[in-house]
Amino acid sequence: MAQFALFVTSYTPLFLLIIGKQLSDHWVWLHFGGFNCPALGAWFTKFGLSTLLMLVMAFGLFGYFVTIRNVEEAAENGDPVTITRINNKSGESIGYIATYIVPFMFQGFDSLFVTFAVLLILLLIYRIYVNSPLLLVNPILSITHGLYEIEFTNGKNQRVGYVIMRNKFLDEDDLIKLYPIGHRLYYAKPEG
């Protein structure tokens, strides 16, 4: 569920834009029409995707905060390592936003086909997302955390991985604790 929560938070800006677009395109439909088939059909057509995205966002944001809290606590018991090379990847979020969010904003979201297409694309992106370092490329996470690609020594072994850390200033020879959260993906805390 942690991967799902990170995915949802990475797409929260897109979800908010889709919700805003649906609300602004169909604001005249925002009144209570009762609980009958025509009213429920109109709600589903005009605001179904927004309603679904709001529920997913609420679940995802709750999961995000629980995940970050749990990982930060677990990272206290991480493996101590020394950074030998570092590459700041925090700027990756900007390219991520432009590549995935902007194309969605020129869609109308009021047909069943478009809703299905958006959900299918998001499902495909989710499968790619959770099996790659994109898991850590997250505009919401980058507000409070830094993302780095590092080489580090764990005793005498040299390794490479992606790290997220609250500290946005890391240098070579820094000592940190790494807690694994995926294949070559780590949460880091300063040593000591």
Protein backbone atom coordinates (compact mmCIF):
# COMPACT_ATOMS: atom_id res chain seq x y z
CA MET A 1 0.00 0.00 0.00
CA ALA A 2 3.00 2.31 0.51
CA GLN A 3 3.76 2.20 -3.23
CA PHE A 4 0.15 3.01 -4.02
CA ALA A 5 0.19 5.94 -1.56
CA LEU A 6 3.38 7.34 -3.12
CA PHE A 7 1.87 6.97 -6.60
CA VAL A 8 -1.33 8.77 -5.58
CA THR A 9 0.56 11.65 -3.99
CA SER A 10 2.76 12.01 -7.05
CA TYR A 11 -0.38 12.44 -9.15
CA THR A 12 -2.30 14.59 -6.66
CA PRO A 13 -1.60 17.77 -8.67
CA LEU A 14 -3.06 16.10 -11.77
CA PHE A 15 -6.07 14.83 -9.83
CA LEU A 16 -6.73 18.32 -8.43
CA LEU A 17 -6.54 19.81 -11.93
CA ILE A 18 -8.95 17.19 -13.33
CA ILE A 19 -11.38 17.81 -10.45
CA GLY A 20 -11.11 21.56 -10.98
CA LYS A 21 -11.67 21.18 -14.72
CA GLN A 22 -14.73 18.98 -14.24
CA LEU A 23 -16.18 21.37 -11.67
CA SER A 24 -15.57 24.44 -13.83
CA ASP A 25 -16.90 22.76 -17.00
CA HIS A 26 -20.08 21.53 -15.27
CA TRP A 27 -20.72 23.99 -12.46
CA VAL A 28 -24.33 24.47 -13.61
CA TRP A 29 -24.96 20.81 -12.73
CA LEU A 30 -23.90 21.36 -9.10
CA HIS A 31 -27.27 21.07 -7.41
CA PHE A 32 -29.13 18.26 -5.72
CA GLY A 33 -31.29 16.42 -8.23
CA GLY A 34 -32.52 13.71 -5.90
CA PHE A 35 -31.73 10.02 -5.82
CA ASN A 36 -33.18 8.82 -9.11
CA CYS A 37 -31.71 7.29 -12.26
CA PRO A 38 -31.46 10.51 -14.32
CA ALA A 39 -29.85 12.44 -11.44
CA LEU A 40 -27.37 9.64 -10.64
CA GLY A 41 -26.59 9.25 -14.35
CA ALA A 42 -25.89 12.98 -14.65
CA TRP A 43 -23.71 12.90 -11.52
CA PHE A 44 -21.75 9.90 -12.82
CA THR A 45 -21.27 11.47 -16.27
CA LYS A 46 -20.39 14.96 -15.06
CA PHE A 47 -18.61 14.27 -11.74
CA GLY A 48 -17.93 10.51 -11.54
CA LEU A 49 -14.21 10.77 -12.29
CA SER A 50 -13.83 13.66 -9.83
CA THR A 51 -15.61 11.73 -7.09
CA LEU A 52 -13.44 8.67 -7.67
CA LEU A 53 -10.26 10.79 -7.70
CA MET A 54 -11.27 12.53 -4.45
CA LEU A 55 -11.73 9.16 -2.73
CA VAL A 56 -8.43 7.84 -4.10
CA MET A 57 -6.64 11.05 -3.05
CA ALA A 58 -8.03 10.87 0.51
CA PHE A 59 -6.89 7.24 0.83
CA GLY A 60 -3.53 7.97 -0.81
CA LEU A 61 -2.73 11.05 1.29
CA PHE A 62 -3.57 9.19 4.49
CA GLY A 63 -1.35 6.31 3.35
CA TYR A 64 1.42 8.75 2.41
CA PHE A 65 1.58 10.30 5.88
CA VAL A 66 1.46 6.89 7.58
CA THR A 67 4.16 5.55 5.22
CA ILE A 68 6.51 8.49 5.77
CA ARG A 69 6.06 8.29 9.54
CA ASN A 70 6.72 4.53 9.58
CA VAL A 71 9.73 4.72 7.26
CA GLU A 72 11.28 7.56 9.27
CA GLU A 73 10.95 5.49 12.45
CA ALA A 74 12.35 2.36 10.80
CA ALA A 75 15.26 4.31 9.28
CA GLU A 76 16.68 4.79 12.78
CA ASN A 77 17.72 1.12 12.52
CA GLY A 78 19.12 1.48 9.00
CA ASP A 79 22.57 0.36 7.87
CA PRO A 80 25.33 2.95 8.32
CA VAL A 81 27.07 3.84 5.06
CA THR A 82 29.47 6.44 3.68
CA ILE A 83 28.56 8.38 0.55
CA THR A 84 31.30 8.26 -2.09
CA ARG A 85 29.47 10.00 -4.97
CA ILE A 86 26.23 11.94 -5.07
CA ASN A 87 23.93 13.27 -7.78
CA ASN A 88 20.97 15.44 -6.75
CA LYS A 89 17.82 14.27 -8.56
CA SER A 90 15.33 16.57 -6.82
CA GLY A 91 14.76 18.51 -10.05
CA GLU A 92 13.31 15.40 -11.71
CA SER A 93 9.87 16.36 -10.38
CA ILE A 94 9.61 19.31 -12.76
CA GLY A 95 10.08 17.12 -15.85
CA TYR A 96 7.69 14.61 -14.34
CA ILE A 97 4.95 17.22 -13.99
CA ALA A 98 5.41 18.54 -17.53
CA THR A 99 5.50 15.09 -19.10
CA TYR A 100 2.51 13.52 -17.38
CA ILE A 101 0.23 16.26 -16.11
CA VAL A 102 0.08 18.86 -18.89
CA PRO A 103 -1.27 16.51 -21.64
CA PHE A 104 -4.21 15.51 -19.45
CA MET A 105 -5.41 19.08 -19.05
CA PHE A 106 -6.65 19.43 -22.62
CA GLN A 107 -9.20 16.65 -22.24
CA GLY A 108 -12.90 16.86 -21.55
CA PHE A 109 -13.79 14.41 -18.80
CA ASP A 110 -17.52 14.08 -19.30
CA SER A 111 -17.86 10.85 -21.26
CA LEU A 112 -17.64 7.27 -20.09
CA PHE A 113 -14.99 6.49 -22.72
CA VAL A 114 -12.69 9.33 -21.62
CA THR A 115 -13.12 8.37 -17.95
CA PHE A 116 -12.26 4.75 -18.78
CA ALA A 117 -9.28 5.85 -20.91
CA VAL A 118 -7.89 8.07 -18.13
CA LEU A 119 -8.26 5.28 -15.57
CA LEU A 120 -6.60 2.77 -17.92
CA ILE A 121 -3.66 5.10 -18.59
CA LEU A 122 -3.27 5.74 -14.86
CA LEU A 123 -3.30 1.99 -14.19
CA LEU A 124 -0.56 1.43 -16.78
CA ILE A 125 1.50 4.31 -15.40
CA TYR A 126 1.04 2.89 -11.88
CA ARG A 127 2.46 -0.50 -12.92
CA ILE A 128 5.50 1.19 -14.48
CA TYR A 129 5.83 3.60 -11.57
CA VAL A 130 6.01 1.03 -8.77
CA ASN A 131 8.64 -1.05 -10.59
CA SER A 132 11.08 1.80 -11.19
CA PRO A 133 12.95 4.58 -9.40
CA LEU A 134 10.02 6.84 -10.36
CA LEU A 135 8.59 5.74 -7.03
CA LEU A 136 10.71 8.45 -5.44
CA VAL A 137 10.15 11.11 -8.12
CA ASN A 138 7.21 12.76 -6.46
CA PRO A 139 6.37 16.49 -6.49
CA ILE A 140 4.63 16.26 -3.09
CA LEU A 141 7.51 14.33 -1.54
CA SER A 142 10.04 16.79 -3.00
CA ILE A 143 8.48 19.62 -0.97
CA THR A 144 9.95 18.15 2.23
CA HIS A 145 12.56 15.67 0.99
CA GLY A 146 15.54 15.58 -1.33
CA LEU A 147 16.09 12.85 -3.93
CA TYR A 148 19.62 11.66 -4.68
CA GLU A 149 21.35 9.03 -6.71
CA ILE A 150 24.34 7.95 -4.64
CA GLU A 151 27.25 5.57 -4.61
CA PHE A 152 28.05 4.41 -1.12
CA THR A 153 30.24 1.98 0.76
CA ASN A 154 28.72 -0.47 3.14
CA GLY A 155 31.82 -1.78 4.86
CA LYS A 156 34.01 -2.73 1.90
CA ASN A 157 31.24 -3.12 -0.72
CA GLN A 158 30.52 -0.32 -3.20
CA ARG A 159 26.82 0.07 -4.09
CA VAL A 160 24.56 2.44 -6.04
CA GLY A 161 21.01 3.47 -5.23
CA TYR A 162 18.39 6.19 -5.03
CA VAL A 163 17.81 7.87 -1.70
CA ILE A 164 15.13 10.13 -0.27
CA MET A 165 15.99 12.15 2.78
CA ARG A 166 14.62 15.12 4.72
CA ASN A 167 18.07 16.69 4.66
CA LYS A 168 18.37 18.45 1.31
CA PHE A 169 22.13 18.99 1.63
CA LEU A 170 24.32 15.91 1.25
CA ASP A 171 27.98 15.71 0.33
CA GLU A 172 30.55 13.06 -0.40
CA ASP A 173 31.96 11.41 2.74
CA ASP A 174 28.75 12.08 4.72
CA LEU A 175 27.72 9.24 7.02
CA ILE A 176 24.07 8.25 6.76
CA LYS A 177 21.78 5.37 7.73
CA LEU A 178 19.98 3.66 4.84
CA TYR A 179 16.71 1.81 5.19
CA PRO A 180 15.67 -0.18 2.08
CA ILE A 181 12.21 0.59 0.69
CA GLY A 182 12.57 -1.14 -2.69
CA HIS A 183 15.18 -2.48 -5.09
CA ARG A 184 18.06 0.01 -4.82
CA LEU A 185 15.65 2.50 -3.25
CA TYR A 186 16.38 3.77 0.26
CA TYR A 187 15.18 6.16 2.90
CA ALA A 188 18.13 7.90 4.57
CA LYS A 189 18.75 9.60 7.89
CA PRO A 190 21.92 11.34 9.06
CA GLU A 191 24.19 9.09 11.12
CA GLY A 192 24.42 10.11 14.76
